[in-house]
């Protein structure tokens, strides 16, 4: 996966979370994968959510299976947009 594709996928995830609604994992995955990007698969979604966004503090897990964007994530979204 190219860096540009990773950034697009991260941007979609952060945009969904920036709406202020804590997303459950399943809904977040479905919305991201159905974003009409050919490279957006369940595996790439998981890698970006767990391996990058969650690991670097851009997204936080508020309870089991529920995620929300952090202030750091909002700053990254502004850069990606």
C-alpha atoms as a PDB file:
ATOM      1  CA  UNK A   1       0.000   0.000   0.000  1.00  0.00           C
ATOM      2  CA  UNK A   2       1.377   3.401  -0.974  1.00  0.00           C
ATOM      3  CA  UNK A   3       1.725   6.288   1.475  1.00  0.00           C
ATOM      4  CA  UNK A   4      -0.924   8.303  -0.378  1.00  0.00           C
ATOM      5  CA  UNK A   5      -3.424   5.461  -0.032  1.00  0.00           C
ATOM      6  CA  UNK A   6      -2.609   5.100   3.666  1.00  0.00           C
ATOM      7  CA  UNK A   7      -3.196   8.813   4.185  1.00  0.00           C
ATOM      8  CA  UNK A   8      -6.537   8.639   2.350  1.00  0.00           C
ATOM      9  CA  UNK A   9      -7.674   5.718   4.478  1.00  0.00           C
ATOM     10  CA  UNK A  10      -6.543   7.420   7.690  1.00  0.00           C
ATOM     11  CA  UNK A  11      -8.361  10.568   6.613  1.00  0.00           C
ATOM     12  CA  UNK A  12     -11.626   8.677   6.039  1.00  0.00           C
ATOM     13  CA  UNK A  13     -11.397   7.030   9.468  1.00  0.00           C
ATOM     14  CA  UNK A  14     -10.641  10.330  11.200  1.00  0.00           C
ATOM     15  CA  UNK A  15     -13.405  12.164   9.307  1.00  0.00           C
ATOM     16  CA  UNK A  16     -15.949   9.609  10.464  1.00  0.00           C
ATOM     17  CA  UNK A  17     -14.771   9.880  14.060  1.00  0.00           C
ATOM     18  CA  UNK A  18     -14.623  13.688  13.905  1.00  0.00           C
ATOM     19  CA  UNK A  19     -18.412  13.832  13.589  1.00  0.00           C
ATOM     20  CA  UNK A  20     -18.491  13.601  17.379  1.00  0.00           C
ATOM     21  CA  UNK A  21     -20.230  10.268  17.517  1.00  0.00           C
ATOM     22  CA  UNK A  22     -18.229   7.470  19.154  1.00  0.00           C
ATOM     23  CA  UNK A  23     -18.167   4.711  16.529  1.00  0.00           C
ATOM     24  CA  UNK A  24     -18.347   1.019  17.234  1.00  0.00           C
ATOM     25  CA  UNK A  25     -15.645  -0.982  15.456  1.00  0.00           C
ATOM     26  CA  UNK A  26     -18.048  -2.785  13.110  1.00  0.00           C
ATOM     27  CA  UNK A  27     -19.782   0.390  11.947  1.00  0.00           C
ATOM     28  CA  UNK A  28     -16.490   2.204  11.520  1.00  0.00           C
ATOM     29  CA  UNK A  29     -15.094  -0.676   9.468  1.00  0.00           C
ATOM     30  CA  UNK A  30     -18.180  -0.906   7.236  1.00  0.00           C
ATOM     31  CA  UNK A  31     -18.246   2.834   6.555  1.00  0.00           C
ATOM     32  CA  UNK A  32     -14.525   2.932   5.808  1.00  0.00           C
ATOM     33  CA  UNK A  33     -14.456  -0.126   3.549  1.00  0.00           C
ATOM     34  CA  UNK A  34     -17.529   1.079   1.635  1.00  0.00           C
ATOM     35  CA  UNK A  35     -15.896   4.445   0.898  1.00  0.00           C
ATOM     36  CA  UNK A  36     -15.447   3.403  -2.759  1.00  0.00           C
ATOM     37  CA  UNK A  37     -11.676   3.167  -2.562  1.00  0.00           C
ATOM     38  CA  UNK A  38     -10.481  -0.065  -4.198  1.00  0.00           C
ATOM     39  CA  UNK A  39      -7.631  -0.505  -1.720  1.00  0.00           C
ATOM     40  CA  UNK A  40      -9.898  -0.123   1.348  1.00  0.00           C
ATOM     41  CA  UNK A  41     -10.291  -3.656   2.676  1.00  0.00           C
ATOM     42  CA  UNK A  42     -10.948  -4.979   6.156  1.00  0.00           C
ATOM     43  CA  UNK A  43      -7.268  -5.835   6.569  1.00  0.00           C
ATOM     44  CA  UNK A  44      -6.000  -2.412   5.479  1.00  0.00           C
ATOM     45  CA  UNK A  45      -8.589  -0.772   7.737  1.00  0.00           C
ATOM     46  CA  UNK A  46      -7.411  -2.809  10.736  1.00  0.00           C
ATOM     47  CA  UNK A  47      -3.756  -2.091  10.015  1.00  0.00           C
ATOM     48  CA  UNK A  48      -4.379   1.641   9.859  1.00  0.00           C
ATOM     49  CA  UNK A  49      -6.677   1.745  12.899  1.00  0.00           C
ATOM     50  CA  UNK A  50      -4.659  -0.489  15.225  1.00  0.00           C
ATOM     51  CA  UNK A  51      -1.176  -0.235  13.769  1.00  0.00           C
ATOM     52  CA  UNK A  52      -1.078   3.506  13.213  1.00  0.00           C
ATOM     53  CA  UNK A  53      -3.966   5.622  14.522  1.00  0.00           C
ATOM     54  CA  UNK A  54      -4.492   3.868  17.844  1.00  0.00           C
ATOM     55  CA  UNK A  55      -0.798   3.137  18.418  1.00  0.00           C
ATOM     56  CA  UNK A  56       0.173   6.794  17.906  1.00  0.00           C
ATOM     57  CA  UNK A  57      -2.640   8.341  19.960  1.00  0.00           C
ATOM     58  CA  UNK A  58      -4.745   9.761  17.127  1.00  0.00           C
ATOM     59  CA  UNK A  59      -7.706   7.597  18.122  1.00  0.00           C
ATOM     60  CA  UNK A  60      -8.644   6.227  21.520  1.00  0.00           C
ATOM     61  CA  UNK A  61     -10.715   3.300  22.635  1.00  0.00           C
ATOM     62  CA  UNK A  62     -13.352   4.559  25.066  1.00  0.00           C
ATOM     63  CA  UNK A  63     -14.852   1.169  25.852  1.00  0.00           C
ATOM     64  CA  UNK A  64     -14.928  -2.277  24.332  1.00  0.00           C
ATOM     65  CA  UNK A  65     -15.243  -1.810  20.576  1.00  0.00           C
ATOM     66  CA  UNK A  66     -15.960   1.938  20.753  1.00  0.00           C
ATOM     67  CA  UNK A  67     -13.502   4.477  19.344  1.00  0.00           C
ATOM     68  CA  UNK A  68     -13.271   8.260  19.176  1.00  0.00           C
ATOM     69  CA  UNK A  69     -10.841  10.818  17.793  1.00  0.00           C
ATOM     70  CA  UNK A  70      -8.387  12.613  20.085  1.00  0.00           C
ATOM     71  CA  UNK A  71      -7.164  16.219  19.883  1.00  0.00           C
ATOM     72  CA  UNK A  72      -3.993  14.884  18.295  1.00  0.00           C
ATOM     73  CA  UNK A  73      -6.163  13.089  15.726  1.00  0.00           C
ATOM     74  CA  UNK A  74      -7.987  16.324  14.895  1.00  0.00           C
ATOM     75  CA  UNK A  75      -4.635  17.986  14.193  1.00  0.00           C
ATOM     76  CA  UNK A  76      -3.632  15.115  11.891  1.00  0.00           C
ATOM     77  CA  UNK A  77      -6.977  15.366  10.102  1.00  0.00           C
ATOM     78  CA  UNK A  78      -6.369  19.067   9.481  1.00  0.00           C
ATOM     79  CA  UNK A  79      -2.985  18.224   7.956  1.00  0.00           C
ATOM     80  CA  UNK A  80      -4.420  15.426   5.803  1.00  0.00           C
ATOM     81  CA  UNK A  81      -7.326  17.556   4.548  1.00  0.00           C
END
